[in-house]
Each structure stands twice: as C-alpha cells, then as structure tokens.
Amino acid sequence: PATIEFVDIAGLVKGASKGEGLGNQFLANIREVDAIVHVVRC
C-alpha cells in the first residue's frame, strides 16, 4: 500500500514559541511535515 508517516508533535502548550514545554523541539519537528492534523477536543 501507499504509506503515511504520522509525527506525534509533543509539548505544544501556550508559550511554546518562547520555549515553554518542549516548544522549540516541537517547532523543529513540525516544519518537516506536509500538513498539520490539529486535534480539537469537542
């Protein structure tokens, strides 16, 4: 079959861009992806 790679981007919290949580690591990981799947609690 065709394949998809899923990356579970950890550490995204308010202030991630300022290095909160695993902020900077998260931002480096996410720049590599083709699209973002944003899970929203409903």
PDB file of all heavy atoms in Angstrom:
ATOM      1  N   PRO A   1       0.824  -1.207   0.000  1.00  0.00           N
ATOM      2  CA  PRO A   1       0.000   0.000   0.000  1.00  0.00           C
ATOM      3  C   PRO A   1       0.863   1.263   0.000  1.00  0.00           C
ATOM      4  O   PRO A   1       2.065   1.206   0.254  1.00  0.00           O
ATOM      5  CB  PRO A   1      -0.773  -0.113   1.319  1.00  0.00           C
ATOM      6  CG  PRO A   1       0.127  -0.905   2.209  1.00  0.00           C
ATOM      7  CD  PRO A   1       0.928  -1.825   1.329  1.00  0.00           C
ATOM      8  N   ALA A   2       0.228   2.381  -0.298  1.00  0.00           N
ATOM      9  CA  ALA A   2       0.895   3.671  -0.095  1.00  0.00           C
ATOM     10  C   ALA A   2       1.053   3.869   1.415  1.00  0.00           C
ATOM     11  O   ALA A   2       0.387   3.203   2.213  1.00  0.00           O
ATOM     12  CB  ALA A   2       0.054   4.788  -0.694  1.00  0.00           C
ATOM     13  N   THR A   3       1.939   4.755   1.816  1.00  0.00           N
ATOM     14  CA  THR A   3       2.188   4.951   3.250  1.00  0.00           C
ATOM     15  C   THR A   3       2.111   6.417   3.659  1.00  0.00           C
ATOM     16  O   THR A   3       2.370   7.322   2.861  1.00  0.00           O
ATOM     17  CB  THR A   3       3.576   4.414   3.650  1.00  0.00           C
ATOM     18  OG1 THR A   3       4.562   5.003   2.796  1.00  0.00           O
ATOM     19  CG2 THR A   3       3.640   2.905   3.541  1.00  0.00           C
ATOM     20  N   ILE A   4       1.745   6.603   4.919  1.00  0.00           N
ATOM     21  CA  ILE A   4       1.740   7.931   5.531  1.00  0.00           C
ATOM     22  C   ILE A   4       2.602   7.863   6.781  1.00  0.00           C
ATOM     23  O   ILE A   4       2.545   6.892   7.524  1.00  0.00           O
ATOM     24  CB  ILE A   4       0.312   8.359   5.950  1.00  0.00           C
ATOM     25  CG1 ILE A   4      -0.607   8.502   4.746  1.00  0.00           C
ATOM     26  CG2 ILE A   4       0.337   9.669   6.730  1.00  0.00           C
ATOM     27  CD1 ILE A   4      -2.042   8.864   5.107  1.00  0.00           C
ATOM     28  N   GLU A   5       3.394   8.891   6.994  1.00  0.00           N
ATOM     29  CA  GLU A   5       4.150   8.978   8.242  1.00  0.00           C
ATOM     30  C   GLU A   5       3.439   9.952   9.173  1.00  0.00           C
ATOM     31  O   GLU A   5       3.166  11.089   8.801  1.00  0.00           O
ATOM     32  CB  GLU A   5       5.574   9.467   7.962  1.00  0.00           C
ATOM     33  CG  GLU A   5       6.455   9.508   9.198  1.00  0.00           C
ATOM     34  CD  GLU A   5       7.897   9.889   8.868  1.00  0.00           C
ATOM     35  OE1 GLU A   5       8.518   9.214   8.018  1.00  0.00           O
ATOM     36  OE2 GLU A   5       8.385  10.875   9.452  1.00  0.00           O
ATOM     37  N   PHE A   6       3.098   9.474  10.359  1.00  0.00           N
ATOM     38  CA  PHE A   6       2.488  10.335  11.377  1.00  0.00           C
ATOM     39  C   PHE A   6       3.557  10.732  12.382  1.00  0.00           C
ATOM     40  O   PHE A   6       4.323   9.895  12.860  1.00  0.00           O
ATOM     41  CB  PHE A   6       1.369   9.598  12.120  1.00  0.00           C
ATOM     42  CG  PHE A   6       0.105   9.437  11.331  1.00  0.00           C
ATOM     43  CD1 PHE A   6      -0.293   8.187  10.886  1.00  0.00           C
ATOM     44  CD2 PHE A   6      -0.686  10.534  11.038  1.00  0.00           C
ATOM     45  CE1 PHE A   6      -1.465   8.031  10.153  1.00  0.00           C
ATOM     46  CE2 PHE A   6      -1.854  10.389  10.302  1.00  0.00           C
ATOM     47  CZ  PHE A   6      -2.251   9.136   9.861  1.00  0.00           C
ATOM     48  N   VAL A   7       3.593  12.022  12.697  1.00  0.00           N
ATOM     49  CA  VAL A   7       4.521  12.511  13.716  1.00  0.00           C
ATOM     50  C   VAL A   7       3.678  13.083  14.848  1.00  0.00           C
ATOM     51  O   VAL A   7       2.888  14.001  14.640  1.00  0.00           O
ATOM     52  CB  VAL A   7       5.449  13.619  13.151  1.00  0.00           C
ATOM     53  CG1 VAL A   7       6.496  14.012  14.182  1.00  0.00           C
ATOM     54  CG2 VAL A   7       6.106  13.168  11.864  1.00  0.00           C
ATOM     55  N   ASP A   8       3.817  12.489  16.032  1.00  0.00           N
ATOM     56  CA  ASP A   8       3.100  12.972  17.211  1.00  0.00           C
ATOM     57  C   ASP A   8       3.918  14.122  17.784  1.00  0.00           C
ATOM     58  O   ASP A   8       4.960  13.918  18.394  1.00  0.00           O
ATOM     59  CB  ASP A   8       2.969  11.821  18.222  1.00  0.00           C
ATOM     60  CG  ASP A   8       2.165  12.216  19.451  1.00  0.00           C
ATOM     61  OD1 ASP A   8       1.541  13.297  19.438  1.00  0.00           O
ATOM     62  OD2 ASP A   8       2.165  11.454  20.435  1.00  0.00           O
ATOM     63  N   ILE A   9       3.464  15.329  17.536  1.00  0.00           N
ATOM     64  CA  ILE A   9       4.228  16.518  17.943  1.00  0.00           C
ATOM     65  C   ILE A   9       3.956  16.807  19.412  1.00  0.00           C
ATOM     66  O   ILE A   9       2.879  17.276  19.779  1.00  0.00           O
ATOM     67  CB  ILE A   9       3.844  17.746  17.086  1.00  0.00           C
ATOM     68  CG1 ILE A   9       3.945  17.431  15.593  1.00  0.00           C
ATOM     69  CG2 ILE A   9       4.682  18.946  17.471  1.00  0.00           C
ATOM     70  CD1 ILE A   9       5.326  17.273  15.041  1.00  0.00           C
ATOM     71  N   ALA A  10       4.943  16.515  20.245  1.00  0.00           N
ATOM     72  CA  ALA A  10       4.763  16.671  21.697  1.00  0.00           C
ATOM     73  C   ALA A  10       5.084  18.086  22.146  1.00  0.00           C
ATOM     74  O   ALA A  10       5.774  18.832  21.458  1.00  0.00           O
ATOM     75  CB  ALA A  10       5.674  15.683  22.410  1.00  0.00           C
ATOM     76  N   GLY A  11       4.547  18.440  23.305  1.00  0.00           N
ATOM     77  CA  GLY A  11       4.999  19.641  24.006  1.00  0.00           C
ATOM     78  C   GLY A  11       4.419  20.957  23.545  1.00  0.00           C
ATOM     79  O   GLY A  11       4.957  22.010  23.861  1.00  0.00           O
ATOM     80  N   LEU A  12       3.299  20.919  22.804  1.00  0.00           N
ATOM     81  CA  LEU A  12       2.727  22.189  22.362  1.00  0.00           C
ATOM     82  C   LEU A  12       1.763  22.714  23.417  1.00  0.00           C
ATOM     83  O   LEU A  12       0.698  22.156  23.639  1.00  0.00           O
ATOM     84  CB  LEU A  12       2.006  22.015  21.026  1.00  0.00           C
ATOM     85  CG  LEU A  12       1.430  23.298  20.448  1.00  0.00           C
ATOM     86  CD1 LEU A  12       2.507  24.361  20.361  1.00  0.00           C
ATOM     87  CD2 LEU A  12       0.850  23.082  19.093  1.00  0.00           C
ATOM     88  N   VAL A  13       2.184  23.768  24.069  1.00  0.00           N
ATOM     89  CA  VAL A  13       1.352  24.439  25.079  1.00  0.00           C
ATOM     90  C   VAL A  13       1.435  25.933  24.815  1.00  0.00           C
ATOM     91  O   VAL A  13       2.219  26.384  23.977  1.00  0.00           O
ATOM     92  CB  VAL A  13       1.853  24.135  26.521  1.00  0.00           C
ATOM     93  CG1 VAL A  13       1.650  22.667  26.866  1.00  0.00           C
ATOM     94  CG2 VAL A  13       3.319  24.534  26.689  1.00  0.00           C
ATOM     95  N   LYS A  14       0.621  26.684  25.540  1.00  0.00           N
ATOM     96  CA  LYS A  14       0.703  28.137  25.420  1.00  0.00           C
ATOM     97  C   LYS A  14       2.123  28.569  25.809  1.00  0.00           C
ATOM     98  O   LYS A  14       2.643  28.149  26.849  1.00  0.00           O
ATOM     99  CB  LYS A  14      -0.320  28.782  26.359  1.00  0.00           C
ATOM    100  CG  LYS A  14      -0.613  30.231  26.028  1.00  0.00           C
ATOM    101  CD  LYS A  14      -1.670  30.807  26.951  1.00  0.00           C
ATOM    102  CE  LYS A  14      -3.062  30.331  26.575  1.00  0.00           C
ATOM    103  NZ  LYS A  14      -4.116  31.002  27.362  1.00  0.00           N
ATOM    104  N   GLY A  15       2.772  29.335  24.960  1.00  0.00           N
ATOM    105  CA  GLY A  15       4.150  29.758  25.237  1.00  0.00           C
ATOM    106  C   GLY A  15       5.200  28.877  24.582  1.00  0.00           C
ATOM    107  O   GLY A  15       6.391  29.049  24.807  1.00  0.00           O
ATOM    108  N   ALA A  16       4.759  27.931  23.741  1.00  0.00           N
ATOM    109  CA  ALA A  16       5.711  27.012  23.085  1.00  0.00           C
ATOM    110  C   ALA A  16       6.736  27.781  22.253  1.00  0.00           C
ATOM    111  O   ALA A  16       7.914  27.437  22.220  1.00  0.00           O
ATOM    112  CB  ALA A  16       4.971  26.019  22.216  1.00  0.00           C
ATOM    113  N   SER A  17       6.276  28.845  21.586  1.00  0.00           N
ATOM    114  CA  SER A  17       7.192  29.619  20.735  1.00  0.00           C
ATOM    115  C   SER A  17       8.266  30.326  21.555  1.00  0.00           C
ATOM    116  O   SER A  17       9.300  30.720  21.040  1.00  0.00           O
ATOM    117  CB  SER A  17       6.410  30.641  19.914  1.00  0.00           C
ATOM    118  OG  SER A  17       5.668  31.494  20.765  1.00  0.00           O
ATOM    119  N   LYS A  18       8.005  30.462  22.852  1.00  0.00           N
ATOM    120  CA  LYS A  18       9.003  31.078  23.751  1.00  0.00           C
ATOM    121  C   LYS A  18       9.800  30.007  24.493  1.00  0.00           C
ATOM    122  O   LYS A  18      10.507  30.283  25.444  1.00  0.00           O
ATOM    123  CB  LYS A  18       8.295  31.982  24.779  1.00  0.00           C
ATOM    124  CG  LYS A  18       7.452  33.088  24.158  1.00  0.00           C
ATOM    125  CD  LYS A  18       8.323  34.266  23.747  1.00  0.00           C
ATOM    126  CE  LYS A  18       7.484  35.423  23.261  1.00  0.00           C
ATOM    127  NZ  LYS A  18       6.852  35.207  21.969  1.00  0.00           N
ATOM    128  N   GLY A  19       9.614  28.737  24.073  1.00  0.00           N
ATOM    129  CA  GLY A  19      10.380  27.657  24.684  1.00  0.00           C
ATOM    130  C   GLY A  19       9.676  26.940  25.814  1.00  0.00           C
ATOM    131  O   GLY A  19      10.245  26.064  26.450  1.00  0.00           O
ATOM    132  N   GLU A  20       8.387  27.297  26.091  1.00  0.00           N
ATOM    133  CA  GLU A  20       7.636  26.581  27.137  1.00  0.00           C
ATOM    134  C   GLU A  20       7.412  25.137  26.699  1.00  0.00           C
ATOM    135  O   GLU A  20       7.340  24.837  25.510  1.00  0.00           O
ATOM    136  CB  GLU A  20       6.270  27.253  27.362  1.00  0.00           C
ATOM    137  CG  GLU A  20       6.346  28.675  27.898  1.00  0.00           C
ATOM    138  CD  GLU A  20       6.762  28.750  29.349  1.00  0.00           C
ATOM    139  OE1 GLU A  20       6.451  27.806  30.097  1.00  0.00           O
ATOM    140  OE2 GLU A  20       7.410  29.736  29.730  1.00  0.00           O
ATOM    141  N   GLY A  21       7.229  24.234  27.672  1.00  0.00           N
ATOM    142  CA  GLY A  21       7.008  22.819  27.343  1.00  0.00           C
ATOM    143  C   GLY A  21       8.221  22.302  26.581  1.00  0.00           C
ATOM    144  O   GLY A  21       9.353  22.509  26.968  1.00  0.00           O
ATOM    145  N   LEU A  22       7.952  21.646  25.470  1.00  0.00           N
ATOM    146  CA  LEU A  22       9.043  21.191  24.598  1.00  0.00           C
ATOM    147  C   LEU A  22       9.067  22.069  23.353  1.00  0.00           C
ATOM    148  O   LEU A  22       9.381  21.625  22.258  1.00  0.00           O
ATOM    149  CB  LEU A  22       8.832  19.722  24.201  1.00  0.00           C
ATOM    150  CG  LEU A  22       8.791  18.718  25.344  1.00  0.00           C
ATOM    151  CD1 LEU A  22       8.375  17.358  24.832  1.00  0.00           C
ATOM    152  CD2 LEU A  22      10.149  18.610  26.022  1.00  0.00           C
ATOM    153  N   GLY A  23       8.686  23.329  23.577  1.00  0.00           N
ATOM    154  CA  GLY A  23       8.413  24.250  22.487  1.00  0.00           C
ATOM    155  C   GLY A  23       9.309  24.212  21.271  1.00  0.00           C
ATOM    156  O   GLY A  23       8.872  23.931  20.169  1.00  0.00           O
ATOM    157  N   ASN A  24      10.596  24.477  21.463  1.00  0.00           N
ATOM    158  CA  ASN A  24      11.476  24.600  20.303  1.00  0.00           C
ATOM    159  C   ASN A  24      11.636  23.294  19.560  1.00  0.00           C
ATOM    160  O   ASN A  24      11.722  23.261  18.330  1.00  0.00           O
ATOM    161  CB  ASN A  24      12.841  25.149  20.743  1.00  0.00           C
ATOM    162  CG  ASN A  24      12.705  26.571  21.271  1.00  0.00           C
ATOM    163  OD1 ASN A  24      11.861  27.324  20.787  1.00  0.00           O
ATOM    164  ND2 ASN A  24      13.492  26.929  22.263  1.00  0.00           N
ATOM    165  N   GLN A  25      11.667  22.196  20.314  1.00  0.00           N
ATOM    166  CA  GLN A  25      11.779  20.874  19.696  1.00  0.00           C
ATOM    167  C   GLN A  25      10.530  20.598  18.852  1.00  0.00           C
ATOM    168  O   GLN A  25      10.607  20.109  17.732  1.00  0.00           O
ATOM    169  CB  GLN A  25      11.909  19.812  20.794  1.00  0.00           C
ATOM    170  CG  GLN A  25      12.080  18.403  20.247  1.00  0.00           C
ATOM    171  CD  GLN A  25      12.022  17.369  21.364  1.00  0.00           C
ATOM    172  OE1 GLN A  25      12.432  17.638  22.489  1.00  0.00           O
ATOM    173  NE2 GLN A  25      11.497  16.206  21.058  1.00  0.00           N
ATOM    174  N   PHE A  26       9.374  20.956  19.410  1.00  0.00           N
ATOM    175  CA  PHE A  26       8.114  20.789  18.696  1.00  0.00           C
ATOM    176  C   PHE A  26       8.137  21.546  17.368  1.00  0.00           C
ATOM    177  O   PHE A  26       7.759  21.032  16.327  1.00  0.00           O
ATOM    178  CB  PHE A  26       6.955  21.290  19.574  1.00  0.00           C
ATOM    179  CG  PHE A  26       5.868  21.988  18.805  1.00  0.00           C
ATOM    180  CD1 PHE A  26       4.966  21.268  18.041  1.00  0.00           C
ATOM    181  CD2 PHE A  26       5.766  23.366  18.819  1.00  0.00           C
ATOM    182  CE1 PHE A  26       3.990  21.906  17.299  1.00  0.00           C
ATOM    183  CE2 PHE A  26       4.795  24.010  18.090  1.00  0.00           C
ATOM    184  CZ  PHE A  26       3.901  23.276  17.334  1.00  0.00           C
ATOM    185  N   LEU A  27       8.609  22.770  17.425  1.00  0.00           N
ATOM    186  CA  LEU A  27       8.582  23.612  16.226  1.00  0.00           C
ATOM    187  C   LEU A  27       9.525  23.082  15.153  1.00  0.00           C
ATOM    188  O   LEU A  27       9.233  23.170  13.966  1.00  0.00           O
ATOM    189  CB  LEU A  27       8.918  25.057  16.602  1.00  0.00           C
ATOM    190  CG  LEU A  27       7.848  25.700  17.504  1.00  0.00           C
ATOM    191  CD1 LEU A  27       8.355  26.972  18.138  1.00  0.00           C
ATOM    192  CD2 LEU A  27       6.570  25.965  16.728  1.00  0.00           C
ATOM    193  N   ALA A  28      10.639  22.500  15.568  1.00  0.00           N
ATOM    194  CA  ALA A  28      11.568  21.908  14.596  1.00  0.00           C
ATOM    195  C   ALA A  28      10.922  20.701  13.927  1.00  0.00           C
ATOM    196  O   ALA A  28      10.989  20.534  12.712  1.00  0.00           O
ATOM    197  CB  ALA A  28      12.859  21.497  15.300  1.00  0.00           C
ATOM    198  N   ASN A  29      10.248  19.856  14.715  1.00  0.00           N
ATOM    199  CA  ASN A  29       9.592  18.663  14.171  1.00  0.00           C
ATOM    200  C   ASN A  29       8.509  19.015  13.156  1.00  0.00           C
ATOM    201  O   ASN A  29       8.372  18.383  12.117  1.00  0.00           O
ATOM    202  CB  ASN A  29       8.936  17.842  15.298  1.00  0.00           C
ATOM    203  CG  ASN A  29       9.957  17.086  16.125  1.00  0.00           C
ATOM    204  OD1 ASN A  29      11.097  16.951  15.709  1.00  0.00           O
ATOM    205  ND2 ASN A  29       9.548  16.610  17.283  1.00  0.00           N
ATOM    206  N   ILE A  30       7.732  20.017  13.482  1.00  0.00           N
ATOM    207  CA  ILE A  30       6.547  20.309  12.673  1.00  0.00           C
ATOM    208  C   ILE A  30       6.901  20.976  11.343  1.00  0.00           C
ATOM    209  O   ILE A  30       6.149  20.901  10.383  1.00  0.00           O
ATOM    210  CB  ILE A  30       5.531  21.153  13.486  1.00  0.00           C
ATOM    211  CG1 ILE A  30       4.135  20.957  12.899  1.00  0.00           C
ATOM    212  CG2 ILE A  30       5.901  22.598  13.528  1.00  0.00           C
ATOM    213  CD1 ILE A  30       3.048  21.542  13.746  1.00  0.00           C
ATOM    214  N   ARG A  31       8.067  21.610  11.263  1.00  0.00           N
ATOM    215  CA  ARG A  31       8.457  22.241   9.987  1.00  0.00           C
ATOM    216  C   ARG A  31       8.685  21.204   8.889  1.00  0.00           C
ATOM    217  O   ARG A  31       8.653  21.528   7.714  1.00  0.00           O
ATOM    218  CB  ARG A  31       9.718  23.091  10.170  1.00  0.00           C
ATOM    219  CG  ARG A  31       9.413  24.391  10.863  1.00  0.00           C
ATOM    220  CD  ARG A  31      10.411  25.480  10.701  1.00  0.00           C
ATOM    221  NE  ARG A  31      10.073  26.537  11.643  1.00  0.00           N
ATOM    222  CZ  ARG A  31       9.188  27.497  11.409  1.00  0.00           C
ATOM    223  NH1 ARG A  31       8.564  27.550  10.262  1.00  0.00           N
ATOM    224  NH2 ARG A  31       8.920  28.412  12.329  1.00  0.00           N
ATOM    225  N   GLU A  32       8.915  19.956   9.280  1.00  0.00           N
ATOM    226  CA  GLU A  32       9.219  18.905   8.308  1.00  0.00           C
ATOM    227  C   GLU A  32       7.973  18.294   7.664  1.00  0.00           C
ATOM    228  O   GLU A  32       8.076  17.545   6.711  1.00  0.00           O
ATOM    229  CB  GLU A  32      10.003  17.774   9.006  1.00  0.00           C
ATOM    230  CG  GLU A  32      11.294  18.222   9.688  1.00  0.00           C
ATOM    231  CD  GLU A  32      12.256  18.885   8.713  1.00  0.00           C
ATOM    232  OE1 GLU A  32      12.460  18.341   7.623  1.00  0.00           O
ATOM    233  OE2 GLU A  32      12.787  19.964   9.048  1.00  0.00           O
ATOM    234  N   VAL A  33       6.777  18.565   8.204  1.00  0.00           N
ATOM    235  CA  VAL A  33       5.586  17.837   7.738  1.00  0.00           C
ATOM    236  C   VAL A  33       4.932  18.502   6.523  1.00  0.00           C
ATOM    237  O   VAL A  33       5.114  19.688   6.274  1.00  0.00           O
ATOM    238  CB  VAL A  33       4.543  17.656   8.877  1.00  0.00           C
ATOM    239  CG1 VAL A  33       5.177  16.965  10.076  1.00  0.00           C
ATOM    240  CG2 VAL A  33       3.909  18.976   9.297  1.00  0.00           C
ATOM    241  N   ASP A  34       4.149  17.692   5.772  1.00  0.00           N
ATOM    242  CA  ASP A  34       3.421  18.211   4.606  1.00  0.00           C
ATOM    243  C   ASP A  34       2.141  18.921   5.016  1.00  0.00           C
ATOM    244  O   ASP A  34       1.683  19.847   4.358  1.00  0.00           O
ATOM    245  CB  ASP A  34       3.047  17.054   3.653  1.00  0.00           C
ATOM    246  CG  ASP A  34       4.269  16.349   3.111  1.00  0.00           C
ATOM    247  OD1 ASP A  34       5.183  17.056   2.635  1.00  0.00           O
ATOM    248  OD2 ASP A  34       4.339  15.108   3.175  1.00  0.00           O
ATOM    249  N   ALA A  35       1.518  18.423   6.082  1.00  0.00           N
ATOM    250  CA  ALA A  35       0.267  19.015   6.556  1.00  0.00           C
ATOM    251  C   ALA A  35       0.151  18.775   8.054  1.00  0.00           C
ATOM    252  O   ALA A  35       0.792  17.884   8.614  1.00  0.00           O
ATOM    253  CB  ALA A  35      -0.927  18.398   5.832  1.00  0.00           C
ATOM    254  N   ILE A  36      -0.679  19.586   8.694  1.00  0.00           N
ATOM    255  CA  ILE A  36      -0.881  19.503  10.138  1.00  0.00           C
ATOM    256  C   ILE A  36      -2.265  18.938  10.427  1.00  0.00           C
ATOM    257  O   ILE A  36      -3.259  19.394   9.852  1.00  0.00           O
ATOM    258  CB  ILE A  36      -0.731  20.901  10.783  1.00  0.00           C
ATOM    259  CG1 ILE A  36       0.709  21.411  10.632  1.00  0.00           C
ATOM    260  CG2 ILE A  36      -1.149  20.889  12.252  1.00  0.00           C
ATOM    261  CD1 ILE A  36       0.901  22.876  10.979  1.00  0.00           C
ATOM    262  N   VAL A  37      -2.318  17.936  11.293  1.00  0.00           N
ATOM    263  CA  VAL A  37      -3.600  17.417  11.789  1.00  0.00           C
ATOM    264  C   VAL A  37      -3.768  17.962  13.200  1.00  0.00           C
ATOM    265  O   VAL A  37      -3.017  17.604  14.105  1.00  0.00           O
ATOM    266  CB  VAL A  37      -3.626  15.869  11.817  1.00  0.00           C
ATOM    267  CG1 VAL A  37      -4.975  15.370  12.340  1.00  0.00           C
ATOM    268  CG2 VAL A  37      -3.342  15.296  10.437  1.00  0.00           C
ATOM    269  N   HIS A  38      -4.728  18.868  13.358  1.00  0.00           N
ATOM    270  CA  HIS A  38      -4.919  19.560  14.634  1.00  0.00           C
ATOM    271  C   HIS A  38      -6.098  18.913  15.366  1.00  0.00           C
ATOM    272  O   HIS A  38      -7.246  19.056  14.950  1.00  0.00           O
ATOM    273  CB  HIS A  38      -5.174  21.044  14.355  1.00  0.00           C
ATOM    274  CG  HIS A  38      -5.289  21.887  15.570  1.00  0.00           C
ATOM    275  ND1 HIS A  38      -5.219  23.256  15.532  1.00  0.00           N
ATOM    276  CD2 HIS A  38      -5.484  21.566  16.879  1.00  0.00           C
ATOM    277  CE1 HIS A  38      -5.362  23.737  16.762  1.00  0.00           C
ATOM    278  NE2 HIS A  38      -5.531  22.722  17.592  1.00  0.00           N
ATOM    279  N   VAL A  39      -5.798  18.177  16.430  1.00  0.00           N
ATOM    280  CA  VAL A  39      -6.856  17.500  17.209  1.00  0.00           C
ATOM    281  C   VAL A  39      -7.479  18.513  18.172  1.00  0.00           C
ATOM    282  O   VAL A  39      -6.778  19.140  18.978  1.00  0.00           O
ATOM    283  CB  VAL A  39      -6.296  16.292  17.996  1.00  0.00           C
ATOM    284  CG1 VAL A  39      -7.432  15.555  18.709  1.00  0.00           C
ATOM    285  CG2 VAL A  39      -5.551  15.342  17.062  1.00  0.00           C
ATOM    286  N   VAL A  40      -8.803  18.662  18.062  1.00  0.00           N
ATOM    287  CA  VAL A  40      -9.527  19.630  18.884  1.00  0.00           C
ATOM    288  C   VAL A  40     -10.549  18.877  19.734  1.00  0.00           C
ATOM    289  O   VAL A  40     -11.324  18.069  19.213  1.00  0.00           O
ATOM    290  CB  VAL A  40     -10.254  20.671  17.996  1.00  0.00           C
ATOM    291  CG1 VAL A  40     -10.892  21.742  18.865  1.00  0.00           C
ATOM    292  CG2 VAL A  40      -9.287  21.309  17.012  1.00  0.00           C
ATOM    293  N   ARG A  41     -10.542  19.153  21.007  1.00  0.00           N
ATOM    294  CA  ARG A  41     -11.472  18.457  21.908  1.00  0.00           C
ATOM    295  C   ARG A  41     -12.881  19.019  21.782  1.00  0.00           C
ATOM    296  O   ARG A  41     -13.106  20.215  22.003  1.00  0.00           O
ATOM    297  CB  ARG A  41     -10.972  18.568  23.350  1.00  0.00           C
ATOM    298  CG  ARG A  41     -11.890  17.871  24.342  1.00  0.00           C
ATOM    299  CD  ARG A  41     -11.240  17.758  25.708  1.00  0.00           C
ATOM    300  NE  ARG A  41     -12.213  17.390  26.725  1.00  0.00           N
ATOM    301  CZ  ARG A  41     -11.930  17.175  28.003  1.00  0.00           C
ATOM    302  NH1 ARG A  41     -10.676  17.281  28.418  1.00  0.00           N
ATOM    303  NH2 ARG A  41     -12.868  16.856  28.872  1.00  0.00           N
ATOM    304  N   CYS A  42     -13.825  18.136  21.436  1.00  0.00           N
ATOM    305  CA  CYS A  42     -15.234  18.535  21.292  1.00  0.00           C
ATOM    306  C   CYS A  42     -16.129  17.659  22.165  1.00  0.00           C
ATOM    307  O   CYS A  42     -17.313  17.505  21.903  1.00  0.00           O
ATOM    308  CB  CYS A  42     -15.666  18.431  19.834  1.00  0.00           C
ATOM    309  SG  CYS A  42     -14.799  19.561  18.727  1.00  0.00           S
TER     310      CYS A  42
END
